[in-house]
Amino acid sequence: MMETHRLKRISQALCASSFIWLAFIVSAAAQDATLEPVTAPPNGLTEIGGGSSDNVENDAPVNEPDSSEQAVEEGQDSAPENSLVTVPQFLNPNTIAPSVGTTTVRTVRFLTTSDFPPFSFVDPSGRLEGFNIGLARELCFEIKARCTMQALPWDELPAALERGQGDAIIAGLRMTDETLRIYAFTKPYLRLPARLFATGEKATTRPDWYDVEGLTIGVQERTAHAAYVETFFEGIEIKSFENQAALRKAVRDGEVDAGFADGVQTAFWLQSRNAADCCVFVGGPYIDTEFFGPGLTIAVPNAREDMRQVLDNGLRRLMRSGKYAELYLRYFPVSFF
């Protein structure tokens, strides 16, 4: 009976988190980082760059690495030289993708939202910006396609793609059994890990934060992170809090030894005035697709497998060239990996 009750609690947490895990992942963090509230831009198309598509084989496979190059495996960290920030990499940039013909993708009309900082938001000058916007812009230059970006409310994105208003959604649409019947998804270009965080003083008192036996770990109640701790962390005391603000206060005040929460949201809080340099990440990232989702991808209609392959190839090239790392460091100066 106890095991059945435990599984039921995990299921409830996962079901609740599946609706909010991405749409509101940085809402509190954005407030802490003093991002000003913005209004959505007009629904007109915004040109985001890209090279000329005339007579360009934009979907050619990525070349094999030279014998002098060391292949970078999926999941291995990469960063520009002298960088102290860990930059994740989830695509092998040296993978040769299957050829899909020549010049099959001349334009890409991206659909996104404008209320998902730091991934997509309107800056004080009224310009649509964010990690997803920058990634799409660099991707279009890489595959030499003309591209536009249109911001719409979240719940209007699927219908807009279905009626041909756009070609691809770059807004954190989650892969599920239902969405996989409708869309083809690129490989994840960013995963969203969970992290432990503690005060700077406590961080130095424990050499191995993967061994948390005997500690008191704080979590936000009814979340996938709480379910994960209940499932996999043994020999600890779990203390639940109503919201992230209460959890962070408990960590800052020493009420718990560490908090366990979303890495992106926590990274923005760590660099905010509210954190006051109290705390740091401890241990490493926790990545589990069942609990924390498969990560961020680009969704295209199932009929556009050619576009999916071209976008995947372009993402690999961005990682190989170092442009992905530069973009990551621009938007995530405190890495959540």
Protein backbone atom coordinates (compact mmCIF):
# COMPACT_ATOMS: atom_id res chain seq x y z
CA MET A 1 0.00 0.00 0.00
CA MET A 2 2.82 2.40 0.85
CA GLU A 3 4.48 1.75 -2.52
CA THR A 4 1.18 2.28 -4.35
CA HIS A 5 0.65 5.55 -2.48
CA ARG A 6 4.18 6.65 -3.33
CA LEU A 7 3.75 5.91 -7.04
CA LYS A 8 0.44 7.79 -7.01
CA ARG A 9 2.16 10.86 -5.54
CA ILE A 10 4.89 10.67 -8.17
CA SER A 11 2.28 10.34 -10.93
CA GLN A 12 0.38 13.36 -9.61
CA ALA A 13 3.54 15.44 -9.48
CA LEU A 14 4.55 14.42 -12.98
CA CYS A 15 1.10 15.16 -14.39
CA ALA A 16 1.06 18.59 -12.79
CA SER A 17 4.57 19.39 -13.91
CA SER A 18 3.91 18.33 -17.51
CA PHE A 19 1.70 21.38 -17.93
CA ILE A 20 3.95 23.89 -16.22
CA TRP A 21 7.48 22.52 -16.52
CA LEU A 22 8.38 24.68 -19.48
CA ALA A 23 5.80 27.44 -19.81
CA PHE A 24 6.63 28.92 -16.42
CA ILE A 25 10.10 27.56 -15.77
CA VAL A 26 11.72 30.96 -15.43
CA SER A 27 8.82 33.18 -14.45
CA ALA A 28 9.95 33.69 -10.86
CA ALA A 29 13.56 33.89 -11.91
CA ALA A 30 12.74 36.60 -14.42
CA GLN A 31 11.19 38.69 -11.67
CA ASP A 32 14.27 38.23 -9.48
CA ALA A 33 16.48 39.24 -12.40
CA THR A 34 14.42 42.47 -12.73
CA LEU A 35 13.29 41.78 -16.27
CA GLU A 36 10.63 44.33 -17.07
CA PRO A 37 7.15 43.09 -18.01
CA VAL A 38 6.64 43.24 -21.75
CA THR A 39 3.77 43.11 -24.15
CA ALA A 40 3.71 40.86 -27.16
CA PRO A 41 4.82 42.46 -30.41
CA PRO A 42 2.39 42.78 -33.30
CA ASN A 43 1.71 39.53 -35.10
CA GLY A 44 3.62 40.70 -38.15
CA LEU A 45 6.64 38.73 -39.27
CA THR A 46 10.08 39.74 -38.10
CA GLU A 47 13.03 39.10 -40.37
CA ILE A 48 15.72 37.34 -38.35
CA GLY A 49 18.40 36.97 -41.00
CA GLY A 50 19.86 34.10 -42.90
CA GLY A 51 21.86 33.72 -46.06
CA SER A 52 20.65 33.65 -49.62
CA SER A 53 19.04 30.36 -50.45
CA ASP A 54 19.65 30.58 -54.18
CA ASN A 55 21.60 27.59 -55.48
CA VAL A 56 22.85 26.62 -52.04
CA GLU A 57 22.96 23.06 -50.81
CA ASN A 58 21.83 23.99 -47.31
CA ASP A 59 21.13 20.43 -46.27
CA ALA A 60 24.45 18.85 -47.15
CA PRO A 61 25.68 16.43 -44.48
CA VAL A 62 28.18 17.58 -41.91
CA ASN A 63 31.70 16.68 -43.03
CA GLU A 64 33.63 14.02 -41.24
CA PRO A 65 36.16 15.37 -38.73
CA ASP A 66 39.73 15.74 -39.85
CA SER A 67 42.15 13.20 -38.46
CA SER A 68 43.73 16.00 -36.42
CA GLU A 69 40.42 16.82 -34.71
CA GLN A 70 39.18 15.12 -31.60
CA ALA A 71 35.54 14.13 -31.92
CA VAL A 72 33.20 15.60 -29.32
CA GLU A 73 30.66 13.09 -28.09
CA GLU A 74 27.07 13.93 -27.25
CA GLY A 75 26.68 15.27 -23.73
CA GLN A 76 30.31 16.33 -23.48
CA ASP A 77 30.89 19.87 -22.28
CA SER A 78 32.33 22.46 -24.61
CA ALA A 79 33.17 26.13 -24.22
CA PRO A 80 35.31 28.78 -25.84
CA GLU A 81 38.93 28.80 -24.75
CA ASN A 82 39.52 30.34 -21.29
CA SER A 83 35.83 30.02 -20.40
CA LEU A 84 35.12 28.86 -16.85
CA VAL A 85 31.43 28.26 -17.54
CA THR A 86 30.30 24.75 -18.40
CA VAL A 87 28.56 24.69 -21.77
CA PRO A 88 26.46 21.56 -22.42
CA GLN A 89 26.43 19.76 -25.74
CA PHE A 90 23.79 17.19 -26.60
CA LEU A 91 24.43 16.70 -30.31
CA ASN A 92 27.56 15.09 -31.70
CA PRO A 93 28.75 17.83 -34.07
CA ASN A 94 30.75 15.33 -36.11
CA THR A 95 27.83 13.05 -36.92
CA ILE A 96 27.13 12.64 -40.61
CA ALA A 97 23.41 13.15 -41.13
CA PRO A 98 21.62 11.44 -44.03
CA SER A 99 21.38 13.45 -47.21
CA VAL A 100 17.92 14.73 -48.08
CA GLY A 101 18.64 16.13 -51.50
CA THR A 102 19.68 19.63 -52.42
CA THR A 103 18.16 23.02 -51.60
CA THR A 104 15.03 21.48 -50.07
CA VAL A 105 14.72 24.26 -47.49
CA ARG A 106 14.91 27.78 -48.89
CA THR A 107 12.93 29.55 -46.15
CA VAL A 108 11.93 28.85 -42.57
CA ARG A 109 9.06 30.69 -40.90
CA PHE A 110 9.55 30.25 -37.17
CA LEU A 111 6.72 30.57 -34.65
CA THR A 112 7.45 31.39 -31.02
CA THR A 113 6.10 33.27 -27.99
CA SER A 114 7.21 36.58 -26.50
CA ASP A 115 6.69 35.83 -22.81
CA PHE A 116 9.22 33.09 -22.06
CA PRO A 117 12.41 34.79 -20.79
CA PRO A 118 15.27 34.14 -21.21
CA PHE A 119 14.30 32.02 -24.23
CA SER A 120 12.01 34.51 -25.95
CA PHE A 121 10.97 37.96 -24.76
CA VAL A 122 10.67 41.56 -25.91
CA ASP A 123 13.58 43.75 -24.79
CA PRO A 124 13.13 47.40 -23.64
CA SER A 125 13.60 48.60 -27.22
CA GLY A 126 10.70 46.44 -28.41
CA ARG A 127 12.95 43.89 -30.12
CA LEU A 128 12.14 40.19 -29.91
CA GLU A 129 15.13 38.56 -28.23
CA GLY A 130 16.16 35.52 -26.21
CA PHE A 131 18.16 32.32 -26.46
CA ASN A 132 15.66 30.67 -28.83
CA ILE A 133 15.57 33.77 -31.04
CA GLY A 134 19.35 33.98 -31.20
CA LEU A 135 19.61 30.27 -31.91
CA ALA A 136 17.10 30.51 -34.77
CA ARG A 137 18.96 33.49 -36.20
CA GLU A 138 22.34 31.68 -36.14
CA LEU A 139 20.72 28.53 -37.48
CA CYS A 140 19.33 30.36 -40.49
CA PHE A 141 22.75 31.76 -41.36
CA GLU A 142 24.23 28.29 -40.95
CA ILE A 143 21.77 26.54 -43.28
CA LYS A 144 21.68 29.58 -45.62
CA ALA A 145 17.92 29.96 -45.55
CA ARG A 146 15.80 33.09 -45.42
CA CYS A 147 13.94 33.13 -42.12
CA THR A 148 11.23 35.04 -40.28
CA MET A 149 10.03 34.90 -36.69
CA GLN A 150 6.44 35.47 -35.57
CA ALA A 151 5.46 35.72 -31.92
CA LEU A 152 2.02 34.42 -30.94
CA PRO A 153 0.30 33.44 -27.70
CA TRP A 154 1.34 29.93 -26.61
CA ASP A 155 -2.06 28.33 -27.18
CA GLU A 156 -2.23 29.65 -30.76
CA LEU A 157 1.02 28.07 -31.95
CA PRO A 158 -0.25 24.57 -32.92
CA ALA A 159 -3.18 25.96 -34.95
CA ALA A 160 -0.93 28.48 -36.67
CA LEU A 161 1.45 25.74 -37.76
CA GLU A 162 -1.43 23.53 -38.89
CA ARG A 163 -2.92 26.18 -41.16
CA GLY A 164 0.46 26.92 -42.72
CA GLN A 165 1.14 30.24 -41.03
CA GLY A 166 4.60 28.99 -40.10
CA ASP A 167 7.01 26.12 -40.74
CA ALA A 168 8.51 25.41 -37.31
CA ILE A 169 7.76 26.04 -33.65
CA ILE A 170 10.69 27.03 -31.43
CA ALA A 171 8.98 27.59 -28.09
CA GLY A 172 9.56 24.55 -25.92
CA LEU A 173 6.75 22.37 -27.29
CA ARG A 174 7.11 19.11 -25.41
CA MET A 175 7.46 15.71 -27.03
CA THR A 176 4.58 13.46 -25.94
CA ASP A 177 2.77 10.53 -27.52
CA GLU A 178 0.17 12.99 -28.75
CA THR A 179 2.54 15.60 -30.20
CA LEU A 180 4.72 12.93 -31.82
CA ARG A 181 1.72 11.93 -33.93
CA ILE A 182 1.55 15.48 -35.31
CA TYR A 183 5.10 16.84 -35.34
CA ALA A 184 8.63 15.80 -36.14
CA PHE A 185 11.12 17.08 -33.56
CA THR A 186 14.77 17.92 -33.92
CA LYS A 187 17.26 16.46 -31.49
CA PRO A 188 17.23 18.41 -28.20
CA TYR A 189 19.46 21.47 -28.40
CA LEU A 190 19.22 22.09 -24.66
CA ARG A 191 18.18 19.96 -21.72
CA LEU A 192 16.85 21.44 -18.51
CA PRO A 193 18.47 19.74 -15.53
CA ALA A 194 17.65 19.80 -11.85
CA ARG A 195 20.32 21.05 -9.46
CA LEU A 196 21.14 21.06 -5.78
CA PHE A 197 22.00 24.47 -4.33
CA ALA A 198 23.25 25.49 -0.91
CA THR A 199 24.84 28.39 0.93
CA GLY A 200 28.48 29.05 0.16
CA GLU A 201 29.36 28.03 3.70
CA LYS A 202 27.60 24.67 3.49
CA ALA A 203 28.98 24.05 -0.01
CA THR A 204 32.52 23.85 1.34
CA THR A 205 31.70 21.44 4.16
CA ARG A 206 30.88 18.47 1.96
CA PRO A 207 33.38 17.08 -0.58
CA ASP A 208 30.87 14.90 -2.46
CA TRP A 209 27.43 16.35 -3.01
CA TYR A 210 26.27 13.27 -4.91
CA ASP A 211 26.27 11.59 -1.50
CA VAL A 212 23.55 13.42 0.38
CA GLU A 213 22.76 10.76 2.99
CA GLY A 214 21.94 12.31 6.35
CA LEU A 215 21.10 15.74 4.93
CA THR A 216 17.87 17.72 4.94
CA ILE A 217 16.87 18.52 1.36
CA GLY A 218 14.24 21.13 0.56
CA VAL A 219 11.86 20.86 -2.41
CA GLN A 220 8.77 22.62 -3.69
CA GLU A 221 5.79 20.43 -3.00
CA ARG A 222 3.85 18.71 -5.81
CA THR A 223 6.60 19.08 -8.41
CA ALA A 224 8.60 16.64 -10.49
CA HIS A 225 11.65 17.66 -8.46
CA ALA A 226 9.94 16.61 -5.24
CA ALA A 227 8.94 13.30 -6.84
CA TYR A 228 12.51 12.73 -8.02
CA VAL A 229 13.96 13.29 -4.56
CA GLU A 230 11.37 10.99 -2.99
CA THR A 231 12.20 8.30 -5.54
CA PHE A 232 15.97 8.35 -5.72
CA PHE A 233 17.48 10.15 -2.71
CA GLU A 234 17.96 7.71 0.16
CA GLY A 235 18.73 8.34 3.79
CA ILE A 236 17.68 11.99 3.78
CA GLU A 237 15.03 14.12 5.41
CA ILE A 238 12.76 15.87 2.90
CA LYS A 239 11.26 19.22 3.75
CA SER A 240 8.57 20.53 1.40
CA PHE A 241 7.70 24.15 0.72
CA GLU A 242 4.72 25.79 -0.94
CA ASN A 243 6.71 27.71 -3.55
CA GLN A 244 10.20 28.53 -4.79
CA ALA A 245 10.46 31.69 -2.72
CA ALA A 246 9.90 29.76 0.51
CA LEU A 247 12.35 27.06 -0.59
CA ARG A 248 15.06 29.59 -1.40
CA LYS A 249 14.57 31.39 1.90
CA ALA A 250 14.94 28.10 3.75
CA VAL A 251 18.22 27.39 1.95
CA ARG A 252 19.51 30.92 2.54
CA ASP A 253 18.58 30.81 6.25
CA GLY A 254 20.10 27.36 6.81
CA GLU A 255 16.76 25.72 7.55
CA VAL A 256 17.73 22.96 5.12
CA ASP A 257 21.15 21.76 3.99
CA ALA A 258 20.33 22.20 0.32
CA GLY A 259 17.47 22.81 -2.07
CA PHE A 260 16.64 20.74 -5.14
CA ALA A 261 14.99 22.60 -8.01
CA ASP A 262 15.05 23.49 -11.69
CA GLY A 263 18.55 24.49 -12.77
CA VAL A 264 17.56 27.31 -15.16
CA GLN A 265 15.27 29.05 -12.72
CA THR A 266 17.77 28.65 -9.88
CA ALA A 267 20.67 29.95 -11.99
CA PHE A 268 18.85 33.23 -12.58
CA TRP A 269 17.97 33.50 -8.90
CA LEU A 270 21.60 32.92 -7.88
CA GLN A 271 22.68 36.01 -9.83
CA SER A 272 19.77 38.17 -8.65
CA ARG A 273 19.75 40.82 -5.94
CA ASN A 274 17.36 38.71 -3.88
CA ALA A 275 19.95 35.95 -3.56
CA ALA A 276 22.58 38.45 -2.36
CA ASP A 277 25.41 36.04 -3.27
CA CYS A 278 24.23 33.65 -0.58
CA CYS A 279 24.27 30.42 -2.48
CA VAL A 280 25.89 28.30 -5.17
CA PHE A 281 25.19 25.14 -7.11
CA VAL A 282 26.61 22.01 -5.50
CA GLY A 283 27.18 18.63 -7.10
CA GLY A 284 26.33 18.25 -10.76
CA PRO A 285 23.27 18.34 -13.03
CA TYR A 286 20.50 15.76 -12.74
CA ILE A 287 19.07 14.87 -16.16
CA ASP A 288 16.09 12.54 -16.34
CA THR A 289 13.71 12.73 -19.30
CA GLU A 290 10.92 10.97 -17.40
CA PHE A 291 10.90 13.54 -14.61
CA PHE A 292 12.30 16.72 -16.16
CA GLY A 293 11.34 16.33 -19.81
CA PRO A 294 13.38 15.63 -22.96
CA GLY A 295 14.60 19.20 -23.32
CA LEU A 296 14.14 21.96 -25.87
CA THR A 297 13.61 21.03 -29.51
CA ILE A 298 12.24 22.54 -32.71
CA ALA A 299 8.94 21.09 -33.94
CA VAL A 300 7.94 20.85 -37.62
CA PRO A 301 4.98 19.13 -39.30
CA ASN A 302 5.48 15.40 -39.75
CA ALA A 303 5.37 15.91 -43.51
CA ARG A 304 8.49 18.09 -43.34
CA GLU A 305 11.07 15.46 -42.45
CA ASP A 306 13.40 17.20 -44.90
CA MET A 307 13.26 20.38 -42.80
CA ARG A 308 13.85 18.47 -39.57
CA GLN A 309 17.02 16.91 -41.00
CA VAL A 310 18.27 20.25 -42.30
CA LEU A 311 17.69 21.89 -38.90
CA ASP A 312 19.43 19.02 -37.09
CA ASN A 313 22.42 19.35 -39.42
CA GLY A 314 22.51 23.08 -38.79
CA LEU A 315 22.43 22.60 -35.02
CA ARG A 316 25.39 20.22 -35.23
CA ARG A 317 27.35 22.75 -37.25
CA LEU A 318 26.63 25.50 -34.73
CA MET A 319 27.98 23.30 -31.96
CA ARG A 320 31.02 22.35 -33.98
CA SER A 321 31.86 25.96 -34.87
CA GLY A 322 31.53 27.24 -31.29
CA LYS A 323 28.64 29.58 -32.11
CA TYR A 324 26.29 27.60 -29.89
CA ALA A 325 28.69 28.00 -26.96
CA GLU A 326 28.91 31.76 -27.54
CA LEU A 327 25.12 32.03 -27.56
CA TYR A 328 24.80 29.94 -24.40
CA LEU A 329 27.31 32.10 -22.54
CA ARG A 330 25.50 35.27 -23.63
CA TYR A 331 22.18 34.22 -22.10
CA PHE A 332 23.36 31.95 -19.28
CA PRO A 333 26.39 33.55 -17.61
CA VAL A 334 25.74 31.32 -14.58
CA SER A 335 25.63 27.89 -16.16
CA PHE A 336 23.04 25.44 -14.87
CA PHE A 337 25.33 22.54 -15.88
